[in-house]
Amino acid sequence: MTTERTEINLEQAQDIASNLMDNERTIGLELECFIDRSQYQSFIEDCNNSNRLTIRDESYNHNTRGHWKIVHDASLGNRNSDMRGIEIVSPPLKAKDLFLQLNVLLEILNSYNSEVNKTCGLHCHHSLEGFKAKQLQYLVNHFVKNESAIDTMLAESRRGNQESVRGFKACQSNKALLTRMIRQDAVQSRAEGQGSVNGVSRYTKLNLQSYSRYGTCEFRGYQGTLDFTKAEPKSNRLTLNIITICLIFCFLQVGQLEKVGI
């Protein structure tokens, strides 16, 4: 049985952003990949010369910027020592602006033969501005309830509660999180460092530790990819993945998952 190949171009992605997404909320993206060390500075120069985005090389930090930033990511592993593992982090952007800038970024990355492997992930932050504790609990309830269905959109290596190839659980299951949310006031928790808050690790598919630091929830489950337009079975899918995450997030807020077929 063959499955028809699907492609989404920038114009279609922006139409979806305008008509289906919550355009009052911002989205932040963290994209992990590898680039040739000898071409790294040229890549940054090309991005800044594009007139579409500003990107800076920075030491590792968790600060929100008004520009794209690149930091070193020690969790990424590649046997080719010529390749540098990087995490590219966007500023908070509305969906249409994110897609526009992301399209430019990926065109440049691919022109430098950048690559991803199983250690690379795609993390997506959504603003929770104005959320009450009950709404946050409602979001977690529905995510946990539908986690198995959401897993079908992930690479097999990121489904369930599997170990990452680097030896730690980078996107653990949220099933244990729900009972902790009921027992504890996670909205009032304040993340201290890299570990867990009230026994809840940030290395879960739906990370709520980012709420206290950035005012967001973070979807950490997706595999790394540098593909903006193509979507086909067993391939890495970027734009379609982000759109799906955003749609699920919007519908989770009002309990209308049936509208996206879940």
C-alpha atoms as a PDB file:
ATOM      1  CA  MET A   1       0.000   0.000   0.000  1.00  0.00           C
ATOM      2  CA  THR A   2       1.412   3.379  -1.002  1.00  0.00           C
ATOM      3  CA  THR A   3       0.579   6.653   0.690  1.00  0.00           C
ATOM      4  CA  GLU A   4       0.283   9.841  -1.311  1.00  0.00           C
ATOM      5  CA  ARG A   5       2.987  12.370  -0.608  1.00  0.00           C
ATOM      6  CA  THR A   6       1.847  15.668   0.918  1.00  0.00           C
ATOM      7  CA  GLU A   7       3.557  19.022   0.699  1.00  0.00           C
ATOM      8  CA  ILE A   8       2.760  22.331   2.384  1.00  0.00           C
ATOM      9  CA  ASN A   9       4.336  25.491   1.039  1.00  0.00           C
ATOM     10  CA  LEU A  10       4.889  28.756   2.875  1.00  0.00           C
ATOM     11  CA  GLU A  11       1.721  30.375   1.546  1.00  0.00           C
ATOM     12  CA  GLN A  12      -0.430  27.449   2.690  1.00  0.00           C
ATOM     13  CA  ALA A  13       1.255  27.386   6.086  1.00  0.00           C
ATOM     14  CA  GLN A  14       0.535  31.087   6.562  1.00  0.00           C
ATOM     15  CA  ASP A  15      -3.086  30.609   5.511  1.00  0.00           C
ATOM     16  CA  ILE A  16      -3.443  27.951   8.195  1.00  0.00           C
ATOM     17  CA  ALA A  17      -1.785  30.282  10.697  1.00  0.00           C
ATOM     18  CA  SER A  18      -4.219  33.081   9.845  1.00  0.00           C
ATOM     19  CA  ASN A  19      -7.404  31.027   9.784  1.00  0.00           C
ATOM     20  CA  LEU A  20      -6.930  28.244  12.342  1.00  0.00           C
ATOM     21  CA  MET A  21      -4.335  29.295  14.910  1.00  0.00           C
ATOM     22  CA  ASP A  22      -4.630  31.590  17.908  1.00  0.00           C
ATOM     23  CA  ASN A  23      -2.777  34.590  16.525  1.00  0.00           C
ATOM     24  CA  GLU A  24      -2.868  36.466  19.816  1.00  0.00           C
ATOM     25  CA  ARG A  25      -0.409  34.007  21.337  1.00  0.00           C
ATOM     26  CA  THR A  26       3.273  33.742  20.502  1.00  0.00           C
ATOM     27  CA  ILE A  27       5.248  30.611  19.691  1.00  0.00           C
ATOM     28  CA  GLY A  28       8.911  29.903  20.384  1.00  0.00           C
ATOM     29  CA  LEU A  29      10.881  27.231  18.573  1.00  0.00           C
ATOM     30  CA  GLU A  30      14.009  25.272  19.531  1.00  0.00           C
ATOM     31  CA  LEU A  31      15.572  23.382  16.641  1.00  0.00           C
ATOM     32  CA  GLU A  32      18.490  20.977  17.159  1.00  0.00           C
ATOM     33  CA  CYS A  33      20.794  20.013  14.290  1.00  0.00           C
ATOM     34  CA  PHE A  34      24.388  19.653  13.088  1.00  0.00           C
ATOM     35  CA  ILE A  35      26.389  21.939  10.816  1.00  0.00           C
ATOM     36  CA  ASP A  36      29.915  21.682   9.436  1.00  0.00           C
ATOM     37  CA  ARG A  37      32.262  23.462  11.842  1.00  0.00           C
ATOM     38  CA  SER A  38      34.185  25.084   8.981  1.00  0.00           C
ATOM     39  CA  GLN A  39      30.988  26.651   7.595  1.00  0.00           C
ATOM     40  CA  TYR A  40      29.457  27.820  10.855  1.00  0.00           C
ATOM     41  CA  GLN A  41      30.422  31.503  10.674  1.00  0.00           C
ATOM     42  CA  SER A  42      29.450  31.719   7.000  1.00  0.00           C
ATOM     43  CA  PHE A  43      26.033  30.304   7.879  1.00  0.00           C
ATOM     44  CA  ILE A  44      25.480  33.019  10.507  1.00  0.00           C
ATOM     45  CA  GLU A  45      26.554  35.723   8.055  1.00  0.00           C
ATOM     46  CA  ASP A  46      24.161  34.443   5.387  1.00  0.00           C
ATOM     47  CA  CYS A  47      21.269  34.444   7.877  1.00  0.00           C
ATOM     48  CA  ASN A  48      21.950  38.028   8.919  1.00  0.00           C
ATOM     49  CA  ASN A  49      22.323  39.122   5.298  1.00  0.00           C
ATOM     50  CA  SER A  50      18.930  37.669   4.381  1.00  0.00           C
ATOM     51  CA  ASN A  51      17.029  40.759   5.650  1.00  0.00           C
ATOM     52  CA  ARG A  52      14.468  38.378   7.138  1.00  0.00           C
ATOM     53  CA  LEU A  53      16.007  37.329  10.451  1.00  0.00           C
ATOM     54  CA  THR A  54      18.725  38.262  12.897  1.00  0.00           C
ATOM     55  CA  ILE A  55      20.730  35.470  14.494  1.00  0.00           C
ATOM     56  CA  ARG A  56      23.500  35.533  17.099  1.00  0.00           C
ATOM     57  CA  ASP A  57      26.004  32.986  18.387  1.00  0.00           C
ATOM     58  CA  GLU A  58      25.792  32.907  22.203  1.00  0.00           C
ATOM     59  CA  SER A  59      27.136  30.940  25.132  1.00  0.00           C
ATOM     60  CA  TYR A  60      24.626  28.506  26.612  1.00  0.00           C
ATOM     61  CA  ASN A  61      21.758  30.335  28.310  1.00  0.00           C
ATOM     62  CA  HIS A  62      18.012  30.163  28.914  1.00  0.00           C
ATOM     63  CA  ASN A  63      17.319  33.841  28.250  1.00  0.00           C
ATOM     64  CA  THR A  64      14.541  34.930  25.912  1.00  0.00           C
ATOM     65  CA  ARG A  65      15.845  37.171  23.150  1.00  0.00           C
ATOM     66  CA  GLY A  66      14.342  39.480  20.570  1.00  0.00           C
ATOM     67  CA  HIS A  67      16.464  37.722  17.919  1.00  0.00           C
ATOM     68  CA  TRP A  68      17.269  34.131  16.941  1.00  0.00           C
ATOM     69  CA  LYS A  69      20.172  32.678  18.900  1.00  0.00           C
ATOM     70  CA  ILE A  70      22.448  29.659  18.525  1.00  0.00           C
ATOM     71  CA  VAL A  71      23.805  27.822  21.556  1.00  0.00           C
ATOM     72  CA  HIS A  72      25.875  24.672  21.929  1.00  0.00           C
ATOM     73  CA  ASP A  73      23.888  21.587  22.932  1.00  0.00           C
ATOM     74  CA  ALA A  74      25.864  18.900  24.754  1.00  0.00           C
ATOM     75  CA  SER A  75      23.018  16.384  24.471  1.00  0.00           C
ATOM     76  CA  LEU A  76      23.557  16.035  20.698  1.00  0.00           C
ATOM     77  CA  GLY A  77      25.800  13.216  19.508  1.00  0.00           C
ATOM     78  CA  ASN A  78      27.466  12.735  16.124  1.00  0.00           C
ATOM     79  CA  ARG A  79      30.303  10.373  15.217  1.00  0.00           C
ATOM     80  CA  ASN A  80      31.550  12.889  12.655  1.00  0.00           C
ATOM     81  CA  SER A  81      33.765  15.284  14.607  1.00  0.00           C
ATOM     82  CA  ASP A  82      33.590  17.799  11.749  1.00  0.00           C
ATOM     83  CA  MET A  83      29.924  18.433  12.558  1.00  0.00           C
ATOM     84  CA  ARG A  84      28.976  20.864  15.315  1.00  0.00           C
ATOM     85  CA  GLY A  85      25.832  20.202  17.364  1.00  0.00           C
ATOM     86  CA  ILE A  86      23.760  23.364  17.770  1.00  0.00           C
ATOM     87  CA  GLU A  87      20.393  24.445  19.123  1.00  0.00           C
ATOM     88  CA  ILE A  88      18.747  27.292  17.200  1.00  0.00           C
ATOM     89  CA  VAL A  89      16.217  29.192  19.316  1.00  0.00           C
ATOM     90  CA  SER A  90      13.677  31.635  17.931  1.00  0.00           C
ATOM     91  CA  PRO A  91      12.367  34.720  19.703  1.00  0.00           C
ATOM     92  CA  PRO A  92       8.661  34.574  20.656  1.00  0.00           C
ATOM     93  CA  LEU A  93       6.814  35.066  17.359  1.00  0.00           C
ATOM     94  CA  LYS A  94       3.262  34.909  16.073  1.00  0.00           C
ATOM     95  CA  ALA A  95       2.651  31.973  13.769  1.00  0.00           C
ATOM     96  CA  LYS A  96       2.797  33.822  10.427  1.00  0.00           C
ATOM     97  CA  ASP A  97       6.057  35.545  11.335  1.00  0.00           C
ATOM     98  CA  LEU A  98       7.519  32.281  12.637  1.00  0.00           C
ATOM     99  CA  PHE A  99       6.758  30.442   9.394  1.00  0.00           C
ATOM    100  CA  LEU A 100       8.191  33.256   7.280  1.00  0.00           C
ATOM    101  CA  GLN A 101      11.475  33.424   9.184  1.00  0.00           C
ATOM    102  CA  LEU A 102      11.696  29.657   9.598  1.00  0.00           C
ATOM    103  CA  ASN A 103      11.394  29.163   5.851  1.00  0.00           C
ATOM    104  CA  VAL A 104      14.393  31.442   5.289  1.00  0.00           C
ATOM    105  CA  LEU A 105      16.411  29.800   8.060  1.00  0.00           C
ATOM    106  CA  LEU A 106      15.865  26.278   6.740  1.00  0.00           C
ATOM    107  CA  GLU A 107      16.701  27.230   3.166  1.00  0.00           C
ATOM    108  CA  ILE A 108      20.063  28.532   4.381  1.00  0.00           C
ATOM    109  CA  LEU A 109      20.684  25.570   6.715  1.00  0.00           C
ATOM    110  CA  ASN A 110      20.027  23.106   3.909  1.00  0.00           C
ATOM    111  CA  SER A 111      22.299  24.989   1.538  1.00  0.00           C
ATOM    112  CA  TYR A 112      25.105  24.149   3.998  1.00  0.00           C
ATOM    113  CA  ASN A 113      24.215  20.438   4.050  1.00  0.00           C
ATOM    114  CA  SER A 114      23.206  20.565   7.695  1.00  0.00           C
ATOM    115  CA  GLU A 115      21.772  17.366   9.150  1.00  0.00           C
ATOM    116  CA  VAL A 116      19.850  15.793  12.013  1.00  0.00           C
ATOM    117  CA  ASN A 117      19.925  12.398  13.692  1.00  0.00           C
ATOM    118  CA  LYS A 118      18.004  10.643  16.462  1.00  0.00           C
ATOM    119  CA  THR A 119      19.597  12.778  19.167  1.00  0.00           C
ATOM    120  CA  CYS A 120      18.052  15.928  17.650  1.00  0.00           C
ATOM    121  CA  GLY A 121      14.680  17.232  18.768  1.00  0.00           C
ATOM    122  CA  LEU A 122      12.173  19.939  17.895  1.00  0.00           C
ATOM    123  CA  HIS A 123      10.700  21.844  20.853  1.00  0.00           C
ATOM    124  CA  CYS A 124       7.787  24.239  20.587  1.00  0.00           C
ATOM    125  CA  HIS A 125       6.771  26.767  23.283  1.00  0.00           C
ATOM    126  CA  HIS A 126       3.271  28.266  23.475  1.00  0.00           C
ATOM    127  CA  SER A 127       2.374  31.313  25.503  1.00  0.00           C
ATOM    128  CA  LEU A 128       0.090  30.624  28.493  1.00  0.00           C
ATOM    129  CA  GLU A 129      -0.599  34.281  29.181  1.00  0.00           C
ATOM    130  CA  GLY A 130      -3.868  34.653  31.064  1.00  0.00           C
ATOM    131  CA  PHE A 131      -4.168  30.939  31.891  1.00  0.00           C
ATOM    132  CA  LYS A 132      -5.672  30.054  35.258  1.00  0.00           C
ATOM    133  CA  ALA A 133      -4.685  26.993  37.289  1.00  0.00           C
ATOM    134  CA  LYS A 134      -7.856  25.165  36.203  1.00  0.00           C
ATOM    135  CA  GLN A 135      -7.111  25.792  32.525  1.00  0.00           C
ATOM    136  CA  LEU A 136      -3.582  24.492  32.960  1.00  0.00           C
ATOM    137  CA  GLN A 137      -4.869  21.355  34.639  1.00  0.00           C
ATOM    138  CA  TYR A 138      -7.435  20.980  31.837  1.00  0.00           C
ATOM    139  CA  LEU A 139      -4.641  21.159  29.248  1.00  0.00           C
ATOM    140  CA  VAL A 140      -2.625  18.478  31.058  1.00  0.00           C
ATOM    141  CA  ASN A 141      -5.693  16.244  31.496  1.00  0.00           C
ATOM    142  CA  HIS A 142      -6.446  16.236  27.785  1.00  0.00           C
ATOM    143  CA  PHE A 143      -2.830  15.824  26.745  1.00  0.00           C
ATOM    144  CA  VAL A 144      -2.376  12.796  29.005  1.00  0.00           C
ATOM    145  CA  LYS A 145      -5.708  11.315  27.949  1.00  0.00           C
ATOM    146  CA  ASN A 146      -4.742  11.562  24.275  1.00  0.00           C
ATOM    147  CA  GLU A 147      -1.012  10.927  24.599  1.00  0.00           C
ATOM    148  CA  SER A 148      -1.145   7.598  22.765  1.00  0.00           C
ATOM    149  CA  ALA A 149      -2.918   9.228  19.821  1.00  0.00           C
ATOM    150  CA  ILE A 150      -0.474  12.150  19.784  1.00  0.00           C
ATOM    151  CA  ASP A 151       2.393   9.620  19.842  1.00  0.00           C
ATOM    152  CA  THR A 152       1.331   8.370  16.397  1.00  0.00           C
ATOM    153  CA  MET A 153       2.605  11.676  14.981  1.00  0.00           C
ATOM    154  CA  LEU A 154       6.039  11.149  16.540  1.00  0.00           C
ATOM    155  CA  ALA A 155       8.998   9.096  15.397  1.00  0.00           C
ATOM    156  CA  GLU A 156       8.962   5.599  16.920  1.00  0.00           C
ATOM    157  CA  SER A 157      12.041   6.480  18.982  1.00  0.00           C
ATOM    158  CA  ARG A 158      10.030   9.209  20.750  1.00  0.00           C
ATOM    159  CA  ARG A 159       6.816   7.342  21.518  1.00  0.00           C
ATOM    160  CA  GLY A 160       5.797   6.080  24.936  1.00  0.00           C
ATOM    161  CA  ASN A 161       8.469   6.559  27.575  1.00  0.00           C
ATOM    162  CA  GLN A 162      11.567   5.476  25.686  1.00  0.00           C
ATOM    163  CA  GLU A 163      15.157   6.337  26.511  1.00  0.00           C
ATOM    164  CA  SER A 164      16.930   8.729  24.184  1.00  0.00           C
ATOM    165  CA  VAL A 165      19.985   7.490  22.347  1.00  0.00           C
ATOM    166  CA  ARG A 166      22.180   9.628  24.610  1.00  0.00           C
ATOM    167  CA  GLY A 167      21.109   7.686  27.688  1.00  0.00           C
ATOM    168  CA  PHE A 168      18.568  10.024  29.295  1.00  0.00           C
ATOM    169  CA  LYS A 169      14.843  10.478  28.829  1.00  0.00           C
ATOM    170  CA  ALA A 170      14.532  13.703  26.847  1.00  0.00           C
ATOM    171  CA  CYS A 171      10.788  13.377  26.237  1.00  0.00           C
ATOM    172  CA  GLN A 172       9.252  11.161  28.893  1.00  0.00           C
ATOM    173  CA  SER A 173       5.592  10.242  29.061  1.00  0.00           C
ATOM    174  CA  ASN A 174       3.287  12.679  30.869  1.00  0.00           C
ATOM    175  CA  LYS A 175       1.072   9.981  32.370  1.00  0.00           C
ATOM    176  CA  ALA A 176       2.756  10.292  35.778  1.00  0.00           C
ATOM    177  CA  LEU A 177       2.509  14.057  35.598  1.00  0.00           C
ATOM    178  CA  LEU A 178      -1.263  14.226  35.935  1.00  0.00           C
ATOM    179  CA  THR A 179      -1.423  12.809  39.464  1.00  0.00           C
ATOM    180  CA  ARG A 180       1.343  15.174  40.571  1.00  0.00           C
ATOM    181  CA  MET A 181      -0.557  18.133  39.116  1.00  0.00           C
ATOM    182  CA  ILE A 182      -3.612  17.149  41.116  1.00  0.00           C
ATOM    183  CA  ARG A 183      -1.647  16.833  44.374  1.00  0.00           C
ATOM    184  CA  GLN A 184       0.474  19.947  43.984  1.00  0.00           C
ATOM    185  CA  ASP A 185      -0.002  23.506  42.850  1.00  0.00           C
ATOM    186  CA  ALA A 186       2.219  23.407  39.779  1.00  0.00           C
ATOM    187  CA  VAL A 187       1.165  26.893  38.724  1.00  0.00           C
ATOM    188  CA  GLN A 188       2.831  28.343  41.843  1.00  0.00           C
ATOM    189  CA  SER A 189       5.945  26.145  41.515  1.00  0.00           C
ATOM    190  CA  ARG A 190       9.119  27.934  40.529  1.00  0.00           C
ATOM    191  CA  ALA A 191      11.736  26.075  38.507  1.00  0.00           C
ATOM    192  CA  GLU A 192      15.137  26.070  40.176  1.00  0.00           C
ATOM    193  CA  GLY A 193      17.892  24.898  37.835  1.00  0.00           C
ATOM    194  CA  GLN A 194      17.763  21.932  35.505  1.00  0.00           C
ATOM    195  CA  GLY A 195      16.213  19.208  37.652  1.00  0.00           C
ATOM    196  CA  SER A 196      12.638  18.594  38.683  1.00  0.00           C
ATOM    197  CA  VAL A 197      10.037  20.759  40.389  1.00  0.00           C
ATOM    198  CA  ASN A 198       7.845  18.993  42.931  1.00  0.00           C
ATOM    199  CA  GLY A 199       9.035  15.720  41.412  1.00  0.00           C
ATOM    200  CA  VAL A 200       8.052  16.779  37.876  1.00  0.00           C
ATOM    201  CA  SER A 201      10.914  16.759  35.360  1.00  0.00           C
ATOM    202  CA  ARG A 202      11.099  19.209  32.485  1.00  0.00           C
ATOM    203  CA  TYR A 203      12.093  16.327  30.207  1.00  0.00           C
ATOM    204  CA  THR A 204       8.495  15.393  29.408  1.00  0.00           C
ATOM    205  CA  LYS A 205       6.617  15.650  26.119  1.00  0.00           C
ATOM    206  CA  LEU A 206       4.511  18.432  27.610  1.00  0.00           C
ATOM    207  CA  ASN A 207       6.844  20.437  29.834  1.00  0.00           C
ATOM    208  CA  LEU A 208       5.226  22.815  32.331  1.00  0.00           C
ATOM    209  CA  GLN A 209       8.400  23.880  34.121  1.00  0.00           C
ATOM    210  CA  SER A 210       8.733  26.483  31.369  1.00  0.00           C
ATOM    211  CA  TYR A 211       5.595  28.159  32.768  1.00  0.00           C
ATOM    212  CA  SER A 212       7.406  29.652  35.750  1.00  0.00           C
ATOM    213  CA  ARG A 213      10.396  30.792  33.688  1.00  0.00           C
ATOM    214  CA  TYR A 214       8.838  31.894  30.396  1.00  0.00           C
ATOM    215  CA  GLY A 215       5.064  31.812  30.902  1.00  0.00           C
ATOM    216  CA  THR A 216       4.771  28.979  28.354  1.00  0.00           C
ATOM    217  CA  CYS A 217       4.142  25.285  27.995  1.00  0.00           C
ATOM    218  CA  GLU A 218       6.680  23.389  25.912  1.00  0.00           C
ATOM    219  CA  PHE A 219       5.980  20.509  23.542  1.00  0.00           C
ATOM    220  CA  ARG A 220       9.234  18.494  23.489  1.00  0.00           C
ATOM    221  CA  GLY A 221       8.191  15.291  21.737  1.00  0.00           C
ATOM    222  CA  TYR A 222       9.005  15.934  18.110  1.00  0.00           C
ATOM    223  CA  GLN A 223      12.048  14.564  16.312  1.00  0.00           C
ATOM    224  CA  GLY A 224      14.568  16.924  14.767  1.00  0.00           C
ATOM    225  CA  THR A 225      14.143  17.860  11.099  1.00  0.00           C
ATOM    226  CA  LEU A 226      15.247  20.517   8.622  1.00  0.00           C
ATOM    227  CA  ASP A 227      12.350  20.009   6.207  1.00  0.00           C
ATOM    228  CA  PHE A 228       9.843  22.844   5.848  1.00  0.00           C
ATOM    229  CA  THR A 229       7.535  21.584   3.097  1.00  0.00           C
ATOM    230  CA  LYS A 230       7.535  17.827   2.673  1.00  0.00           C
ATOM    231  CA  ALA A 231       5.329  15.485   4.668  1.00  0.00           C
ATOM    232  CA  GLU A 232       5.299  11.765   4.053  1.00  0.00           C
ATOM    233  CA  PRO A 233       5.220   8.603   6.176  1.00  0.00           C
ATOM    234  CA  LYS A 234       8.422   7.801   8.112  1.00  0.00           C
ATOM    235  CA  SER A 235       9.998  11.114   7.099  1.00  0.00           C
ATOM    236  CA  ASN A 236      10.939  14.076   9.246  1.00  0.00           C
ATOM    237  CA  ARG A 237       8.218  16.699   8.990  1.00  0.00           C
ATOM    238  CA  LEU A 238       8.740  20.200  10.272  1.00  0.00           C
ATOM    239  CA  THR A 239       6.014  22.626   9.191  1.00  0.00           C
ATOM    240  CA  LEU A 240       3.286  20.011   9.340  1.00  0.00           C
ATOM    241  CA  ASN A 241       4.450  18.983  12.812  1.00  0.00           C
ATOM    242  CA  ILE A 242       4.385  22.544  14.117  1.00  0.00           C
ATOM    243  CA  ILE A 243       0.957  23.182  12.609  1.00  0.00           C
ATOM    244  CA  THR A 244      -0.349  19.978  14.178  1.00  0.00           C
ATOM    245  CA  ILE A 245       1.092  20.907  17.581  1.00  0.00           C
ATOM    246  CA  CYS A 246      -0.410  24.373  17.388  1.00  0.00           C
ATOM    247  CA  LEU A 247      -3.830  23.080  16.333  1.00  0.00           C
ATOM    248  CA  ILE A 248      -3.874  20.488  19.109  1.00  0.00           C
ATOM    249  CA  PHE A 249      -2.873  23.155  21.622  1.00  0.00           C
ATOM    250  CA  CYS A 250      -5.676  25.475  20.474  1.00  0.00           C
ATOM    251  CA  PHE A 251      -8.293  22.736  20.651  1.00  0.00           C
ATOM    252  CA  LEU A 252      -7.005  21.407  23.978  1.00  0.00           C
ATOM    253  CA  GLN A 253      -7.903  24.763  25.507  1.00  0.00           C
ATOM    254  CA  VAL A 254     -11.594  24.295  24.704  1.00  0.00           C
ATOM    255  CA  GLY A 255     -11.851  20.503  24.760  1.00  0.00           C
ATOM    256  CA  GLN A 256     -12.525  20.101  21.033  1.00  0.00           C
ATOM    257  CA  LEU A 257     -10.019  17.422  20.039  1.00  0.00           C
ATOM    258  CA  GLU A 258     -12.635  15.772  17.828  1.00  0.00           C
ATOM    259  CA  LYS A 259     -12.128  18.660  15.392  1.00  0.00           C
ATOM    260  CA  VAL A 260      -8.630  17.412  14.620  1.00  0.00           C
ATOM    261  CA  GLY A 261      -9.659  13.786  14.585  1.00  0.00           C
ATOM    262  CA  ILE A 262      -8.331  12.748  17.982  1.00  0.00           C
END
